[in-house]
PDB file of N, CA and C in Angstrom:
ATOM      1  N   UNK A   1     -16.701  15.646 -45.112  1.00  0.00           N
ATOM      2  CA  UNK A   1     -15.799  16.546 -45.796  1.00  0.00           C
ATOM      3  C   UNK A   1     -15.979  17.952 -45.245  1.00  0.00           C
ATOM      4  N   UNK A   2     -15.871  18.078 -43.943  1.00  0.00           N
ATOM      5  CA  UNK A   2     -16.050  19.354 -43.271  1.00  0.00           C
ATOM      6  C   UNK A   2     -14.725  20.113 -43.271  1.00  0.00           C
ATOM      7  N   UNK A   3     -14.626  21.264 -43.959  1.00  0.00           N
ATOM      8  CA  UNK A   3     -13.362  21.977 -44.035  1.00  0.00           C
ATOM      9  C   UNK A   3     -12.878  22.508 -42.691  1.00  0.00           C
ATOM     10  N   UNK A   4     -13.770  22.662 -41.721  1.00  0.00           N
ATOM     11  CA  UNK A   4     -13.353  23.130 -40.402  1.00  0.00           C
ATOM     12  C   UNK A   4     -13.127  21.974 -39.435  1.00  0.00           C
ATOM     13  N   UNK A   5     -13.044  20.776 -39.978  1.00  0.00           N
ATOM     14  CA  UNK A   5     -12.705  19.571 -39.210  1.00  0.00           C
ATOM     15  C   UNK A   5     -13.683  19.265 -38.072  1.00  0.00           C
ATOM     16  N   UNK A   6     -14.865  18.865 -38.478  1.00  0.00           N
ATOM     17  CA  UNK A   6     -15.861  18.260 -37.592  1.00  0.00           C
ATOM     18  C   UNK A   6     -16.295  19.123 -36.413  1.00  0.00           C
ATOM     19  N   UNK A   7     -16.841  20.270 -36.721  1.00  0.00           N
ATOM     20  CA  UNK A   7     -17.479  21.039 -35.646  1.00  0.00           C
ATOM     21  C   UNK A   7     -18.724  20.301 -35.186  1.00  0.00           C
ATOM     22  N   UNK A   8     -19.296  19.491 -36.078  1.00  0.00           N
ATOM     23  CA  UNK A   8     -20.407  18.614 -35.735  1.00  0.00           C
ATOM     24  C   UNK A   8     -19.845  17.203 -35.678  1.00  0.00           C
ATOM     25  N   UNK A   9     -20.283  16.435 -34.697  1.00  0.00           N
ATOM     26  CA  UNK A   9     -19.778  15.071 -34.542  1.00  0.00           C
ATOM     27  C   UNK A   9     -20.046  14.249 -35.800  1.00  0.00           C
ATOM     28  N   UNK A  10     -19.148  13.347 -36.096  1.00  0.00           N
ATOM     29  CA  UNK A  10     -19.205  12.511 -37.294  1.00  0.00           C
ATOM     30  C   UNK A  10     -20.557  11.810 -37.430  1.00  0.00           C
ATOM     31  N   UNK A  11     -21.059  11.245 -36.323  1.00  0.00           N
ATOM     32  CA  UNK A  11     -22.329  10.529 -36.352  1.00  0.00           C
ATOM     33  C   UNK A  11     -23.484  11.469 -36.693  1.00  0.00           C
ATOM     34  N   UNK A  12     -23.403  12.718 -36.242  1.00  0.00           N
ATOM     35  CA  UNK A  12     -24.454  13.690 -36.541  1.00  0.00           C
ATOM     36  C   UNK A  12     -24.480  14.023 -38.032  1.00  0.00           C
ATOM     37  N   UNK A  13     -23.295  14.128 -38.675  1.00  0.00           N
ATOM     38  CA  UNK A  13     -23.241  14.372 -40.116  1.00  0.00           C
ATOM     39  C   UNK A  13     -23.936  13.246 -40.864  1.00  0.00           C
ATOM     40  N   UNK A  14     -23.654  12.024 -40.474  1.00  0.00           N
ATOM     41  CA  UNK A  14     -24.264  10.869 -41.132  1.00  0.00           C
ATOM     42  C   UNK A  14     -25.781  10.944 -40.997  1.00  0.00           C
ATOM     43  N   UNK A  15     -26.259  11.267 -39.809  1.00  0.00           N
ATOM     44  CA  UNK A  15     -27.706  11.361 -39.591  1.00  0.00           C
ATOM     45  C   UNK A  15     -28.330  12.469 -40.445  1.00  0.00           C
ATOM     46  N   UNK A  16     -27.658  13.626 -40.524  1.00  0.00           N
ATOM     47  CA  UNK A  16     -28.164  14.741 -41.325  1.00  0.00           C
ATOM     48  C   UNK A  16     -28.282  14.340 -42.794  1.00  0.00           C
ATOM     49  N   UNK A  17     -27.237  13.753 -43.342  1.00  0.00           N
ATOM     50  CA  UNK A  17     -27.237  13.368 -44.750  1.00  0.00           C
ATOM     51  C   UNK A  17     -28.215  12.229 -45.013  1.00  0.00           C
ATOM     52  N   UNK A  18     -28.248  11.237 -44.126  1.00  0.00           N
ATOM     53  CA  UNK A  18     -29.209  10.141 -44.297  1.00  0.00           C
ATOM     54  C   UNK A  18     -30.646  10.663 -44.303  1.00  0.00           C
ATOM     55  N   UNK A  19     -30.956  11.606 -43.421  1.00  0.00           N
ATOM     56  CA  UNK A  19     -32.303  12.189 -43.390  1.00  0.00           C
ATOM     57  C   UNK A  19     -32.602  12.955 -44.672  1.00  0.00           C
ATOM     58  N   UNK A  20     -31.626  13.681 -45.197  1.00  0.00           N
ATOM     59  CA  UNK A  20     -31.822  14.409 -46.451  1.00  0.00           C
ATOM     60  C   UNK A  20     -32.086  13.439 -47.600  1.00  0.00           C
ATOM     61  N   UNK A  21     -31.360  12.340 -47.633  1.00  0.00           N
ATOM     62  CA  UNK A  21     -31.558  11.340 -48.686  1.00  0.00           C
ATOM     63  C   UNK A  21     -32.951  10.719 -48.562  1.00  0.00           C
ATOM     64  N   UNK A  22     -33.388  10.427 -47.341  1.00  0.00           N
ATOM     65  CA  UNK A  22     -34.731   9.866 -47.133  1.00  0.00           C
ATOM     66  C   UNK A  22     -35.804  10.844 -47.613  1.00  0.00           C
ATOM     67  N   UNK A  23     -35.641  12.126 -47.279  1.00  0.00           N
ATOM     68  CA  UNK A  23     -36.616  13.124 -47.721  1.00  0.00           C
ATOM     69  C   UNK A  23     -36.660  13.200 -49.245  1.00  0.00           C
ATOM     70  N   UNK A  24     -35.500  13.176 -49.874  1.00  0.00           N
ATOM     71  CA  UNK A  24     -35.446  13.208 -51.336  1.00  0.00           C
ATOM     72  C   UNK A  24     -36.140  11.988 -51.934  1.00  0.00           C
ATOM     73  N   UNK A  25     -35.810  10.818 -51.399  1.00  0.00           N
ATOM     74  CA  UNK A  25     -36.413   9.584 -51.924  1.00  0.00           C
ATOM     75  C   UNK A  25     -37.932   9.622 -51.786  1.00  0.00           C
ATOM     76  N   UNK A  26     -38.414  10.085 -50.637  1.00  0.00           N
ATOM     77  CA  UNK A  26     -39.854  10.151 -50.426  1.00  0.00           C
ATOM     78  C   UNK A  26     -40.515  11.121 -51.399  1.00  0.00           C
ATOM     79  N   UNK A  27     -39.900  12.280 -51.592  1.00  0.00           N
ATOM     80  CA  UNK A  27     -40.506  13.278 -52.474  1.00  0.00           C
ATOM     81  C   UNK A  27     -40.423  12.861 -53.946  1.00  0.00           C
ATOM     82  N   UNK A  28     -39.380  12.149 -54.313  1.00  0.00           N
ATOM     83  CA  UNK A  28     -39.200  11.718 -55.699  1.00  0.00           C
ATOM     84  C   UNK A  28     -39.798  10.327 -55.947  1.00  0.00           C
ATOM     85  N   UNK A  29     -40.294   9.713 -54.873  1.00  0.00           N
ATOM     86  CA  UNK A  29     -40.848   8.358 -54.958  1.00  0.00           C
ATOM     87  C   UNK A  29     -39.848   7.391 -55.594  1.00  0.00           C
ATOM     88  N   UNK A  30     -38.620   7.445 -55.082  1.00  0.00           N
ATOM     89  CA  UNK A  30     -37.554   6.567 -55.581  1.00  0.00           C
ATOM     90  C   UNK A  30     -37.057   5.679 -54.446  1.00  0.00           C
ATOM     91  N   UNK A  31     -36.438   4.589 -54.821  1.00  0.00           N
ATOM     92  CA  UNK A  31     -35.818   3.706 -53.838  1.00  0.00           C
ATOM     93  C   UNK A  31     -34.331   3.575 -54.165  1.00  0.00           C
ATOM     94  N   UNK A  32     -33.537   3.448 -53.123  1.00  0.00           N
ATOM     95  CA  UNK A  32     -32.101   3.236 -53.326  1.00  0.00           C
ATOM     96  C   UNK A  32     -31.856   1.759 -53.574  1.00  0.00           C
ATOM     97  N   UNK A  33     -31.041   1.479 -54.555  1.00  0.00           N
ATOM     98  CA  UNK A  33     -30.748   0.096 -54.888  1.00  0.00           C
ATOM     99  C   UNK A  33     -29.605  -0.458 -54.046  1.00  0.00           C
ATOM    100  N   UNK A  34     -28.729   0.420 -53.576  1.00  0.00           N
ATOM    101  CA  UNK A  34     -27.589  -0.018 -52.773  1.00  0.00           C
ATOM    102  C   UNK A  34     -27.618   0.674 -51.419  1.00  0.00           C
ATOM    103  N   UNK A  35     -27.053   0.002 -50.424  1.00  0.00           N
ATOM    104  CA  UNK A  35     -26.903   0.598 -49.106  1.00  0.00           C
ATOM    105  C   UNK A  35     -25.744   1.598 -49.154  1.00  0.00           C
ATOM    106  N   UNK A  36     -25.922   2.730 -48.527  1.00  0.00           N
ATOM    107  CA  UNK A  36     -24.871   3.745 -48.491  1.00  0.00           C
ATOM    108  C   UNK A  36     -23.820   3.342 -47.464  1.00  0.00           C
ATOM    109  N   UNK A  37     -22.560   3.340 -47.889  1.00  0.00           N
ATOM    110  CA  UNK A  37     -21.445   3.053 -46.996  1.00  0.00           C
ATOM    111  C   UNK A  37     -20.670   4.356 -46.809  1.00  0.00           C
ATOM    112  N   UNK A  38     -20.581   4.824 -45.581  1.00  0.00           N
ATOM    113  CA  UNK A  38     -19.930   6.099 -45.290  1.00  0.00           C
ATOM    114  C   UNK A  38     -18.460   5.883 -44.968  1.00  0.00           C
ATOM    115  N   UNK A  39     -17.606   6.764 -45.485  1.00  0.00           N
ATOM    116  CA  UNK A  39     -16.175   6.756 -45.193  1.00  0.00           C
ATOM    117  C   UNK A  39     -15.790   8.108 -44.632  1.00  0.00           C
ATOM    118  N   UNK A  40     -14.904   8.103 -43.656  1.00  0.00           N
ATOM    119  CA  UNK A  40     -14.381   9.353 -43.125  1.00  0.00           C
ATOM    120  C   UNK A  40     -13.156   9.733 -43.952  1.00  0.00           C
ATOM    121  N   UNK A  41     -13.262  10.795 -44.734  1.00  0.00           N
ATOM    122  CA  UNK A  41     -12.152  11.250 -45.564  1.00  0.00           C
ATOM    123  C   UNK A  41     -11.337  12.268 -44.771  1.00  0.00           C
ATOM    124  N   UNK A  42     -10.390  11.752 -44.011  1.00  0.00           N
ATOM    125  CA  UNK A  42      -9.617  12.583 -43.084  1.00  0.00           C
ATOM    126  C   UNK A  42      -8.591  13.469 -43.782  1.00  0.00           C
ATOM    127  N   UNK A  43      -8.365  13.266 -45.078  1.00  0.00           N
ATOM    128  CA  UNK A  43      -7.331  14.026 -45.770  1.00  0.00           C
ATOM    129  C   UNK A  43      -7.841  15.178 -46.610  1.00  0.00           C
ATOM    130  N   UNK A  44      -9.114  15.564 -46.439  1.00  0.00           N
ATOM    131  CA  UNK A  44      -9.625  16.687 -47.228  1.00  0.00           C
ATOM    132  C   UNK A  44      -8.853  17.950 -46.858  1.00  0.00           C
ATOM    133  N   UNK A  45      -8.672  18.864 -47.810  1.00  0.00           N
ATOM    134  CA  UNK A  45      -7.966  20.107 -47.504  1.00  0.00           C
ATOM    135  C   UNK A  45      -8.621  20.851 -46.342  1.00  0.00           C
ATOM    136  N   UNK A  46      -7.794  21.396 -45.489  1.00  0.00           N
ATOM    137  CA  UNK A  46      -8.265  22.087 -44.289  1.00  0.00           C
ATOM    138  C   UNK A  46      -8.463  23.564 -44.589  1.00  0.00           C
ATOM    139  N   UNK A  47      -9.535  24.097 -44.060  1.00  0.00           N
ATOM    140  CA  UNK A  47      -9.825  25.520 -44.199  1.00  0.00           C
ATOM    141  C   UNK A  47      -9.073  26.280 -43.117  1.00  0.00           C
ATOM    142  N   UNK A  48      -8.350  27.338 -43.500  1.00  0.00           N
ATOM    143  CA  UNK A  48      -7.569  28.075 -42.508  1.00  0.00           C
ATOM    144  C   UNK A  48      -8.367  29.189 -41.850  1.00  0.00           C
ATOM    145  N   UNK A  49      -9.235  29.856 -42.586  1.00  0.00           N
ATOM    146  CA  UNK A  49     -10.035  30.935 -42.016  1.00  0.00           C
ATOM    147  C   UNK A  49     -11.437  30.455 -41.683  1.00  0.00           C
ATOM    148  N   UNK A  50     -12.256  31.371 -41.177  1.00  0.00           N
ATOM    149  CA  UNK A  50     -13.613  30.978 -40.795  1.00  0.00           C
ATOM    150  C   UNK A  50     -14.676  31.562 -41.725  1.00  0.00           C
ATOM    151  N   UNK A  51     -14.252  32.244 -42.798  1.00  0.00           N
ATOM    152  CA  UNK A  51     -15.224  32.911 -43.665  1.00  0.00           C
ATOM    153  C   UNK A  51     -15.267  32.359 -45.082  1.00  0.00           C
ATOM    154  N   UNK A  52     -14.500  31.326 -45.373  1.00  0.00           N
ATOM    155  CA  UNK A  52     -14.427  30.803 -46.733  1.00  0.00           C
ATOM    156  C   UNK A  52     -15.089  29.443 -46.891  1.00  0.00           C
ATOM    157  N   UNK A  53     -16.020  29.095 -46.003  1.00  0.00           N
ATOM    158  CA  UNK A  53     -16.647  27.766 -46.039  1.00  0.00           C
ATOM    159  C   UNK A  53     -17.259  27.465 -47.410  1.00  0.00           C
ATOM    160  N   UNK A  54     -18.023  28.410 -47.932  1.00  0.00           N
ATOM    161  CA  UNK A  54     -18.689  28.194 -49.215  1.00  0.00           C
ATOM    162  C   UNK A  54     -17.707  27.965 -50.335  1.00  0.00           C
ATOM    163  N   UNK A  55     -16.593  28.710 -50.324  1.00  0.00           N
ATOM    164  CA  UNK A  55     -15.574  28.526 -51.356  1.00  0.00           C
ATOM    165  C   UNK A  55     -14.922  27.154 -51.243  1.00  0.00           C
ATOM    166  N   UNK A  56     -14.702  26.697 -50.019  1.00  0.00           N
ATOM    167  CA  UNK A  56     -14.127  25.367 -49.834  1.00  0.00           C
ATOM    168  C   UNK A  56     -15.073  24.298 -50.358  1.00  0.00           C
ATOM    169  N   UNK A  57     -16.363  24.442 -50.084  1.00  0.00           N
ATOM    170  CA  UNK A  57     -17.332  23.478 -50.582  1.00  0.00           C
ATOM    171  C   UNK A  57     -17.329  23.490 -52.110  1.00  0.00           C
ATOM    172  N   UNK A  58     -17.251  24.678 -52.715  1.00  0.00           N
ATOM    173  CA  UNK A  58     -17.204  24.758 -54.178  1.00  0.00           C
ATOM    174  C   UNK A  58     -15.929  24.120 -54.722  1.00  0.00           C
ATOM    175  N   UNK A  59     -14.810  24.270 -54.013  1.00  0.00           N
ATOM    176  CA  UNK A  59     -13.564  23.611 -54.445  1.00  0.00           C
ATOM    177  C   UNK A  59     -13.733  22.090 -54.396  1.00  0.00           C
ATOM    178  N   UNK A  60     -14.337  21.576 -53.305  1.00  0.00           N
ATOM    179  CA  UNK A  60     -14.592  20.140 -53.205  1.00  0.00           C
ATOM    180  C   UNK A  60     -15.468  19.684 -54.361  1.00  0.00           C
ATOM    181  N   UNK A  61     -16.558  20.421 -54.607  1.00  0.00           N
ATOM    182  CA  UNK A  61     -17.484  20.034 -55.675  1.00  0.00           C
ATOM    183  C   UNK A  61     -16.783  20.024 -57.024  1.00  0.00           C
ATOM    184  N   UNK A  62     -15.951  21.031 -57.272  1.00  0.00           N
ATOM    185  CA  UNK A  62     -15.241  21.097 -58.552  1.00  0.00           C
ATOM    186  C   UNK A  62     -14.295  19.904 -58.693  1.00  0.00           C
ATOM    187  N   UNK A  63     -13.525  19.616 -57.636  1.00  0.00           N
ATOM    188  CA  UNK A  63     -12.613  18.466 -57.680  1.00  0.00           C
ATOM    189  C   UNK A  63     -13.366  17.164 -57.936  1.00  0.00           C
ATOM    190  N   UNK A  64     -14.501  16.991 -57.277  1.00  0.00           N
ATOM    191  CA  UNK A  64     -15.283  15.769 -57.444  1.00  0.00           C
ATOM    192  C   UNK A  64     -15.852  15.689 -58.854  1.00  0.00           C
ATOM    193  N   UNK A  65     -16.420  16.790 -59.342  1.00  0.00           N
ATOM    194  CA  UNK A  65     -17.032  16.785 -60.677  1.00  0.00           C
ATOM    195  C   UNK A  65     -16.021  16.582 -61.794  1.00  0.00           C
ATOM    196  N   UNK A  66     -14.811  17.080 -61.626  1.00  0.00           N
ATOM    197  CA  UNK A  66     -13.790  16.939 -62.661  1.00  0.00           C
ATOM    198  C   UNK A  66     -13.059  15.591 -62.606  1.00  0.00           C
ATOM    199  N   UNK A  67     -13.278  14.820 -61.550  1.00  0.00           N
ATOM    200  CA  UNK A  67     -12.621  13.531 -61.378  1.00  0.00           C
ATOM    201  C   UNK A  67     -13.429  12.448 -62.091  1.00  0.00           C
ATOM    202  N   UNK A  68     -13.135  12.237 -63.368  1.00  0.00           N
ATOM    203  CA  UNK A  68     -13.922  11.319 -64.198  1.00  0.00           C
ATOM    204  C   UNK A  68     -13.849   9.864 -63.726  1.00  0.00           C
ATOM    205  N   UNK A  69     -12.754   9.467 -63.079  1.00  0.00           N
ATOM    206  CA  UNK A  69     -12.626   8.094 -62.577  1.00  0.00           C
ATOM    207  C   UNK A  69     -13.169   7.933 -61.164  1.00  0.00           C
ATOM    208  N   UNK A  70     -13.658   9.026 -60.566  1.00  0.00           N
ATOM    209  CA  UNK A  70     -14.183   9.016 -59.192  1.00  0.00           C
ATOM    210  C   UNK A  70     -13.175   8.450 -58.192  1.00  0.00           C
ATOM    211  N   UNK A  71     -11.968   8.970 -58.250  1.00  0.00           N
ATOM    212  CA  UNK A  71     -10.895   8.532 -57.347  1.00  0.00           C
ATOM    213  C   UNK A  71     -10.570   9.586 -56.282  1.00  0.00           C
ATOM    214  N   UNK A  72     -11.414  10.628 -56.163  1.00  0.00           N
ATOM    215  CA  UNK A  72     -11.130  11.674 -55.189  1.00  0.00           C
ATOM    216  C   UNK A  72     -11.052  11.111 -53.766  1.00  0.00           C
ATOM    217  N   UNK A  73     -11.827  10.082 -53.481  1.00  0.00           N
ATOM    218  CA  UNK A  73     -11.818   9.527 -52.129  1.00  0.00           C
ATOM    219  C   UNK A  73     -10.464   8.905 -51.779  1.00  0.00           C
ATOM    220  N   UNK A  74      -9.748   8.404 -52.782  1.00  0.00           N
ATOM    221  CA  UNK A  74      -8.421   7.845 -52.531  1.00  0.00           C
ATOM    222  C   UNK A  74      -7.455   8.961 -52.158  1.00  0.00           C
ATOM    223  N   UNK A  75      -7.551  10.091 -52.873  1.00  0.00           N
ATOM    224  CA  UNK A  75      -6.681  11.235 -52.612  1.00  0.00           C
ATOM    225  C   UNK A  75      -6.916  11.798 -51.209  1.00  0.00           C
ATOM    226  N   UNK A  76      -8.156  11.773 -50.741  1.00  0.00           N
ATOM    227  CA  UNK A  76      -8.503  12.393 -49.460  1.00  0.00           C
ATOM    228  C   UNK A  76      -8.696  11.395 -48.321  1.00  0.00           C
ATOM    229  N   UNK A  77      -8.415  10.126 -48.568  1.00  0.00           N
ATOM    230  CA  UNK A  77      -8.700   9.099 -47.575  1.00  0.00           C
ATOM    231  C   UNK A  77      -7.834   9.230 -46.318  1.00  0.00           C
ATOM    232  N   UNK A  78      -6.553   9.456 -46.504  1.00  0.00           N
ATOM    233  CA  UNK A  78      -5.632   9.520 -45.355  1.00  0.00           C
ATOM    234  C   UNK A  78      -5.275  10.969 -45.042  1.00  0.00           C
ATOM    235  N   UNK A  79      -4.926  11.183 -43.793  1.00  0.00           N
ATOM    236  CA  UNK A  79      -4.517  12.525 -43.369  1.00  0.00           C
ATOM    237  C   UNK A  79      -3.354  13.000 -44.234  1.00  0.00           C
ATOM    238  N   UNK A  80      -3.416  14.264 -44.605  1.00  0.00           N
ATOM    239  CA  UNK A  80      -2.361  14.828 -45.442  1.00  0.00           C
ATOM    240  C   UNK A  80      -2.298  16.325 -45.192  1.00  0.00           C
ATOM    241  N   UNK A  81      -1.416  16.973 -45.894  1.00  0.00           N
ATOM    242  CA  UNK A  81      -1.283  18.424 -45.772  1.00  0.00           C
ATOM    243  C   UNK A  81      -1.874  19.145 -46.972  1.00  0.00           C
ATOM    244  N   UNK A  82      -2.867  18.538 -47.630  1.00  0.00           N
ATOM    245  CA  UNK A  82      -3.509  19.178 -48.765  1.00  0.00           C
ATOM    246  C   UNK A  82      -4.227  20.440 -48.302  1.00  0.00           C
ATOM    247  N   UNK A  83      -4.159  21.462 -49.127  1.00  0.00           N
ATOM    248  CA  UNK A  83      -4.907  22.673 -48.804  1.00  0.00           C
ATOM    249  C   UNK A  83      -5.261  23.417 -50.082  1.00  0.00           C
ATOM    250  N   UNK A  84      -6.321  24.183 -49.999  1.00  0.00           N
ATOM    251  CA  UNK A  84      -6.679  25.088 -51.071  1.00  0.00           C
ATOM    252  C   UNK A  84      -6.122  26.449 -50.682  1.00  0.00           C
ATOM    253  N   UNK A  85      -5.140  26.905 -51.441  1.00  0.00           N
ATOM    254  CA  UNK A  85      -4.520  28.195 -51.152  1.00  0.00           C
ATOM    255  C   UNK A  85      -5.356  29.349 -51.679  1.00  0.00           C
ATOM    256  N   UNK A  86      -4.879  30.541 -51.447  1.00  0.00           N
ATOM    257  CA  UNK A  86      -5.595  31.747 -51.850  1.00  0.00           C
ATOM    258  C   UNK A  86      -5.797  31.790 -53.361  1.00  0.00           C
ATOM    259  N   UNK A  87      -4.816  31.321 -54.130  1.00  0.00           N
ATOM    260  CA  UNK A  87      -4.968  31.299 -55.588  1.00  0.00           C
ATOM    261  C   UNK A  87      -6.100  30.379 -56.023  1.00  0.00           C
ATOM    262  N   UNK A  88      -6.210  29.240 -55.373  1.00  0.00           N
ATOM    263  CA  UNK A  88      -7.277  28.291 -55.674  1.00  0.00           C
ATOM    264  C   UNK A  88      -8.639  28.916 -55.341  1.00  0.00           C
ATOM    265  N   UNK A  89      -8.735  29.542 -54.178  1.00  0.00           N
ATOM    266  CA  UNK A  89      -9.998  30.172 -53.774  1.00  0.00           C
ATOM    267  C   UNK A  89     -10.357  31.327 -54.699  1.00  0.00           C
ATOM    268  N   UNK A  90      -9.356  32.095 -55.102  1.00  0.00           N
ATOM    269  CA  UNK A  90      -9.620  33.207 -56.027  1.00  0.00           C
ATOM    270  C   UNK A  90     -10.097  32.695 -57.382  1.00  0.00           C
ATOM    271  N   UNK A  91      -9.556  31.575 -57.832  1.00  0.00           N
ATOM    272  CA  UNK A  91      -9.995  30.970 -59.093  1.00  0.00           C
ATOM    273  C   UNK A  91     -11.486  30.613 -59.012  1.00  0.00           C
ATOM    274  N   UNK A  92     -11.904  30.054 -57.882  1.00  0.00           N
ATOM    275  CA  UNK A  92     -13.314  29.695 -57.689  1.00  0.00           C
ATOM    276  C   UNK A  92     -14.172  30.960 -57.649  1.00  0.00           C
ATOM    277  N   UNK A  93     -13.685  32.005 -56.990  1.00  0.00           N
ATOM    278  CA  UNK A  93     -14.424  33.278 -56.946  1.00  0.00           C
ATOM    279  C   UNK A  93     -14.666  33.822 -58.356  1.00  0.00           C
ATOM    280  N   UNK A  94     -13.621  33.800 -59.176  1.00  0.00           N
ATOM    281  CA  UNK A  94     -13.718  34.326 -60.542  1.00  0.00           C
ATOM    282  C   UNK A  94     -14.683  33.476 -61.371  1.00  0.00           C
ATOM    283  N   UNK A  95     -14.563  32.146 -61.278  1.00  0.00           N
ATOM    284  CA  UNK A  95     -15.464  31.265 -62.027  1.00  0.00           C
ATOM    285  C   UNK A  95     -16.910  31.499 -61.627  1.00  0.00           C
ATOM    286  N   UNK A  96     -17.169  31.624 -60.333  1.00  0.00           N
ATOM    287  CA  UNK A  96     -18.532  31.849 -59.863  1.00  0.00           C
ATOM    288  C   UNK A  96     -19.050  33.199 -60.358  1.00  0.00           C
ATOM    289  N   UNK A  97     -18.222  34.228 -60.272  1.00  0.00           N
ATOM    290  CA  UNK A  97     -18.638  35.566 -60.713  1.00  0.00           C
ATOM    291  C   UNK A  97     -18.953  35.570 -62.205  1.00  0.00           C
ATOM    292  N   UNK A  98     -18.118  34.919 -63.011  1.00  0.00           N
ATOM    293  CA  UNK A  98     -18.370  34.842 -64.452  1.00  0.00           C
ATOM    294  C   UNK A  98     -19.682  34.111 -64.734  1.00  0.00           C
ATOM    295  N   UNK A  99     -19.896  33.010 -64.037  1.00  0.00           N
ATOM    296  CA  UNK A  99     -21.128  32.247 -64.216  1.00  0.00           C
ATOM    297  C   UNK A  99     -22.342  33.100 -63.851  1.00  0.00           C
ATOM    298  N   UNK A 100     -22.255  33.780 -62.722  1.00  0.00           N
ATOM    299  CA  UNK A 100     -23.366  34.615 -62.274  1.00  0.00           C
ATOM    300  C   UNK A 100     -23.656  35.726 -63.278  1.00  0.00           C
ATOM    301  N   UNK A 101     -22.614  36.411 -63.712  1.00  0.00           N
ATOM    302  CA  UNK A 101     -22.806  37.519 -64.652  1.00  0.00           C
ATOM    303  C   UNK A 101     -23.392  37.018 -65.975  1.00  0.00           C
ATOM    304  N   UNK A 102     -22.954  35.871 -66.436  1.00  0.00           N
ATOM    305  CA  UNK A 102     -23.426  35.335 -67.708  1.00  0.00           C
ATOM    306  C   UNK A 102     -24.899  34.910 -67.622  1.00  0.00           C
ATOM    307  N   UNK A 103     -25.292  34.331 -66.498  1.00  0.00           N
ATOM    308  CA  UNK A 103     -26.616  33.732 -66.404  1.00  0.00           C
ATOM    309  C   UNK A 103     -27.659  34.535 -65.623  1.00  0.00           C
ATOM    310  N   UNK A 104     -27.231  35.505 -64.824  1.00  0.00           N
ATOM    311  CA  UNK A 104     -28.193  36.169 -63.954  1.00  0.00           C
ATOM    312  C   UNK A 104     -28.147  37.693 -63.977  1.00  0.00           C
ATOM    313  N   UNK A 105     -27.107  38.265 -64.514  1.00  0.00           N
ATOM    314  CA  UNK A 105     -27.008  39.735 -64.541  1.00  0.00           C
ATOM    315  C   UNK A 105     -27.932  40.291 -65.618  1.00  0.00           C
ATOM    316  N   UNK A 106     -28.503  41.426 -65.337  1.00  0.00           N
ATOM    317  CA  UNK A 106     -29.446  42.040 -66.298  1.00  0.00           C
ATOM    318  C   UNK A 106     -28.735  42.712 -67.430  1.00  0.00           C
TER     319      UNK A 106
END
């Protein structure tokens, strides 16, 4: 789900995430019950600029967390023209700022 469309090769992403999961499992002394099956979600919204990566990731996280049936992968499975516009990014900025001010501001 790279908003800049695979600046890192697909196989490298899988290796990075698999290594992170292994490190987590080792530190938490947990075992995975199921094998991870990776899907390339080619229809994720595309990032137009080069400075909004974090906001795009937060938009993805919000969409995933709010999807109670976990069907986001169906929406993003095929190539599409989905995008997060400036209004969507501004909404995430405001939500983050409110959260920060409520929980971390003195």
